[in-house]
Protein backbone atom coordinates (compact mmCIF):
# COMPACT_ATOMS: atom_id res chain seq x y z
CA UNK A 1 -17.77 4.39 64.65
CA UNK A 2 -17.36 7.12 67.18
CA UNK A 3 -14.89 9.94 67.37
CA UNK A 4 -12.79 10.08 70.48
CA UNK A 5 -13.22 13.82 70.94
CA UNK A 6 -13.16 14.94 74.54
CA UNK A 7 -15.66 17.42 75.87
CA UNK A 8 -14.95 20.26 78.31
CA UNK A 9 -14.93 17.87 81.29
CA UNK A 10 -12.29 15.69 79.61
CA UNK A 11 -14.57 12.71 79.00
CA UNK A 12 -15.10 11.11 75.61
CA UNK A 13 -17.97 12.72 73.69
CA UNK A 14 -20.23 10.08 72.14
CA UNK A 15 -23.59 10.16 70.39
CA UNK A 16 -26.39 9.76 72.99
CA UNK A 17 -27.46 6.26 71.85
CA UNK A 18 -23.87 5.02 72.06
CA UNK A 19 -23.31 6.70 75.43
CA UNK A 20 -26.37 4.87 76.75
CA UNK A 21 -24.72 1.55 75.87
CA UNK A 22 -21.50 2.55 77.64
CA UNK A 23 -23.53 3.67 80.67
CA UNK A 24 -25.37 0.35 80.73
CA UNK A 25 -22.09 -1.56 80.48
CA UNK A 26 -20.68 0.57 83.32
CA UNK A 27 -23.70 -0.27 85.50
CA UNK A 28 -23.37 -3.96 84.65
CA UNK A 29 -19.69 -4.02 85.60
CA UNK A 30 -20.65 -2.30 88.86
CA UNK A 31 -23.09 -5.09 89.73
CA UNK A 32 -20.28 -7.65 89.54
CA UNK A 33 -18.43 -6.00 92.43
CA UNK A 34 -15.00 -6.95 91.14
CA UNK A 35 -13.22 -4.51 93.46
CA UNK A 36 -9.43 -4.49 93.60
CA UNK A 37 -8.95 -8.26 93.47
CA UNK A 38 -6.99 -8.98 90.25
CA UNK A 39 -8.23 -12.58 90.06
CA UNK A 40 -11.81 -11.48 90.39
CA UNK A 41 -11.36 -8.79 87.71
CA UNK A 42 -9.88 -11.30 85.27
CA UNK A 43 -12.50 -13.88 86.24
CA UNK A 44 -15.27 -11.46 85.28
CA UNK A 45 -13.74 -10.50 81.94
CA UNK A 46 -15.52 -13.08 79.75
CA UNK A 47 -18.87 -12.33 81.38
CA UNK A 48 -18.35 -8.60 80.78
CA UNK A 49 -17.29 -9.16 77.17
CA UNK A 50 -20.45 -11.20 76.54
CA UNK A 51 -22.54 -8.33 77.86
CA UNK A 52 -20.57 -5.75 75.87
CA UNK A 53 -20.96 -7.70 72.64
CA UNK A 54 -24.67 -8.05 73.30
CA UNK A 55 -24.96 -4.27 73.75
CA UNK A 56 -22.71 -3.10 70.92
CA UNK A 57 -22.94 -5.99 68.44
CA UNK A 58 -19.15 -6.35 68.39
CA UNK A 59 -16.14 -5.44 70.53
CA UNK A 60 -14.56 -2.34 69.01
CA UNK A 61 -11.18 -1.00 70.14
CA UNK A 62 -13.06 1.65 72.11
CA UNK A 63 -15.16 -0.96 73.93
CA UNK A 64 -12.06 -3.08 74.60
CA UNK A 65 -10.26 -0.05 76.05
CA UNK A 66 -13.30 0.81 78.17
CA UNK A 67 -13.46 -2.70 79.63
CA UNK A 68 -9.69 -2.79 80.20
CA UNK A 69 -9.80 0.54 82.03
CA UNK A 70 -12.74 -0.52 84.23
CA UNK A 71 -10.99 -3.77 85.18
CA UNK A 72 -7.56 -2.14 85.48
CA UNK A 73 -6.00 -4.63 83.06
CA UNK A 74 -4.25 -4.07 79.74
CA UNK A 75 -6.14 -3.84 76.47
CA UNK A 76 -3.76 -6.54 75.20
CA UNK A 77 -5.14 -8.89 77.84
CA UNK A 78 -8.70 -8.07 76.79
CA UNK A 79 -7.83 -8.58 73.12
CA UNK A 80 -6.10 -11.87 73.98
CA UNK A 81 -9.39 -13.22 75.31
CA UNK A 82 -11.37 -11.86 72.36
CA UNK A 83 -9.04 -13.37 69.80
CA UNK A 84 -8.91 -16.75 71.59
CA UNK A 85 -12.66 -17.38 71.76
CA UNK A 86 -14.42 -17.68 68.41
CA UNK A 87 -17.65 -16.32 69.88
CA UNK A 88 -16.23 -12.82 70.23
CA UNK A 89 -15.94 -10.50 67.25
CA UNK A 90 -14.06 -7.23 66.95
CA UNK A 91 -15.48 -5.97 63.66
CA UNK A 92 -19.02 -4.89 62.73
CA UNK A 93 -21.09 -7.74 61.40
CA UNK A 94 -24.13 -8.08 59.19
CA UNK A 95 -27.66 -7.94 60.52
CA UNK A 96 -27.93 -11.71 60.07
CA UNK A 97 -25.03 -13.46 61.79
CA UNK A 98 -24.71 -16.83 60.10
CA UNK A 99 -22.45 -19.33 61.81
CA UNK A 100 -21.79 -22.82 60.52
CA UNK A 101 -20.72 -25.29 63.18
CA UNK A 102 -17.47 -26.97 62.19
CA UNK A 103 -17.11 -29.20 65.25
CA UNK A 104 -16.31 -32.87 64.71
CA UNK A 105 -19.87 -34.18 64.30
CA UNK A 106 -20.87 -31.33 61.97
CA UNK A 107 -17.64 -31.57 60.00
CA UNK A 108 -18.07 -35.30 59.42
CA UNK A 109 -21.70 -34.83 58.35
CA UNK A 110 -20.95 -32.17 55.72
CA UNK A 111 -20.42 -28.76 57.34
CA UNK A 112 -17.59 -27.84 54.90
CA UNK A 113 -20.00 -28.21 51.94
CA UNK A 114 -22.60 -26.10 53.75
CA UNK A 115 -20.04 -23.41 54.52
CA UNK A 116 -18.84 -23.43 50.91
CA UNK A 117 -22.42 -22.99 49.67
CA UNK A 118 -22.95 -19.96 51.93
CA UNK A 119 -19.67 -18.50 50.63
CA UNK A 120 -20.76 -19.08 47.04
CA UNK A 121 -24.25 -17.61 47.45
CA UNK A 122 -23.18 -14.62 49.56
CA UNK A 123 -19.97 -14.04 47.59
CA UNK A 124 -17.95 -13.53 50.77
CA UNK A 125 -15.37 -15.47 52.74
CA UNK A 126 -15.65 -16.77 56.26
CA UNK A 127 -15.31 -13.90 58.73
CA UNK A 128 -16.70 -11.28 56.32
CA UNK A 129 -19.93 -9.36 55.95
CA UNK A 130 -21.74 -8.72 52.69
CA UNK A 131 -21.20 -5.21 51.25
CA UNK A 132 -24.82 -4.26 52.06
CA UNK A 133 -24.26 -5.17 55.73
CA UNK A 134 -27.06 -7.74 55.68
CA UNK A 135 -25.11 -10.97 56.28
CA UNK A 136 -22.04 -12.04 58.23
CA UNK A 137 -20.61 -15.52 57.68
CA UNK A 138 -18.62 -17.29 60.35
CA UNK A 139 -17.76 -20.73 61.63
CA UNK A 140 -17.89 -21.95 65.20
CA UNK A 141 -15.98 -24.88 66.66
CA UNK A 142 -19.03 -26.38 68.37
CA UNK A 143 -22.50 -25.17 69.25
CA UNK A 144 -23.39 -28.18 71.40
CA UNK A 145 -26.14 -29.56 69.19
CA UNK A 146 -24.32 -32.58 67.77
CA UNK A 147 -27.49 -34.65 67.37
CA UNK A 148 -28.66 -32.06 64.80
CA UNK A 149 -25.39 -32.06 62.81
CA UNK A 150 -24.59 -30.26 60.67
CA UNK A 151 -25.86 -27.15 62.43
CA UNK A 152 -26.19 -23.56 61.24
CA UNK A 153 -27.11 -20.68 63.53
CA UNK A 154 -28.61 -17.47 62.19
CA UNK A 155 -28.51 -15.00 65.05
CA UNK A 156 -30.20 -17.09 67.77
CA UNK A 157 -32.13 -19.46 65.50
CA UNK A 158 -30.73 -22.98 65.11
CA UNK A 159 -31.08 -24.96 61.89
CA UNK A 160 -30.33 -28.68 62.12
CA UNK A 161 -29.47 -31.38 59.59
CA UNK A 162 -28.44 -28.71 57.11
CA UNK A 163 -27.25 -29.63 53.64
CA UNK A 164 -25.88 -27.42 50.88
CA UNK A 165 -29.29 -27.69 49.21
CA UNK A 166 -30.97 -26.11 52.27
CA UNK A 167 -28.77 -22.99 52.24
CA UNK A 168 -31.02 -21.11 49.79
CA UNK A 169 -34.01 -21.68 52.06
CA UNK A 170 -32.10 -20.45 55.12
CA UNK A 171 -31.16 -17.27 53.26
CA UNK A 172 -34.76 -16.88 52.12
CA UNK A 173 -35.85 -16.99 55.79
CA UNK A 174 -33.76 -13.83 56.23
CA UNK A 175 -35.47 -11.95 53.40
CA UNK A 176 -36.83 -8.57 54.43
């Protein structure tokens, strides 16, 4: 988390590594050439939020405000998009982002049992991170891999045909 202290020039003072991320996001937004067209600004919002989440790991209030200011839209509008799409997160997450697909095919083939087993083993609820910051557990509506149902994603790695019995092995794959 960053303090919102302002330096002598009136800009927000951030640690250098965090400022680099904001600078990169600023450059990225500049490449989209959204200009003053409100439809174009709103049309670029999801693309910008994807980039911001990739850079920061999650979309903090500060990042949301930054994006809103650059697009000249309200932070409420930005948050509305973030809260609507399950892909976006507004809280820090664990190093290993575990998502269980709960779309129709995965649900029918046992995703609720898989999700319950992750909850039991990690001792957290859906949408939470473990106290050590290692794991985050979430559920997605569909990951588009129905032929592999039920599907679990750990960061970018996809596990198919997952059963509750396979959860321990998935967690073992994440061992340091």
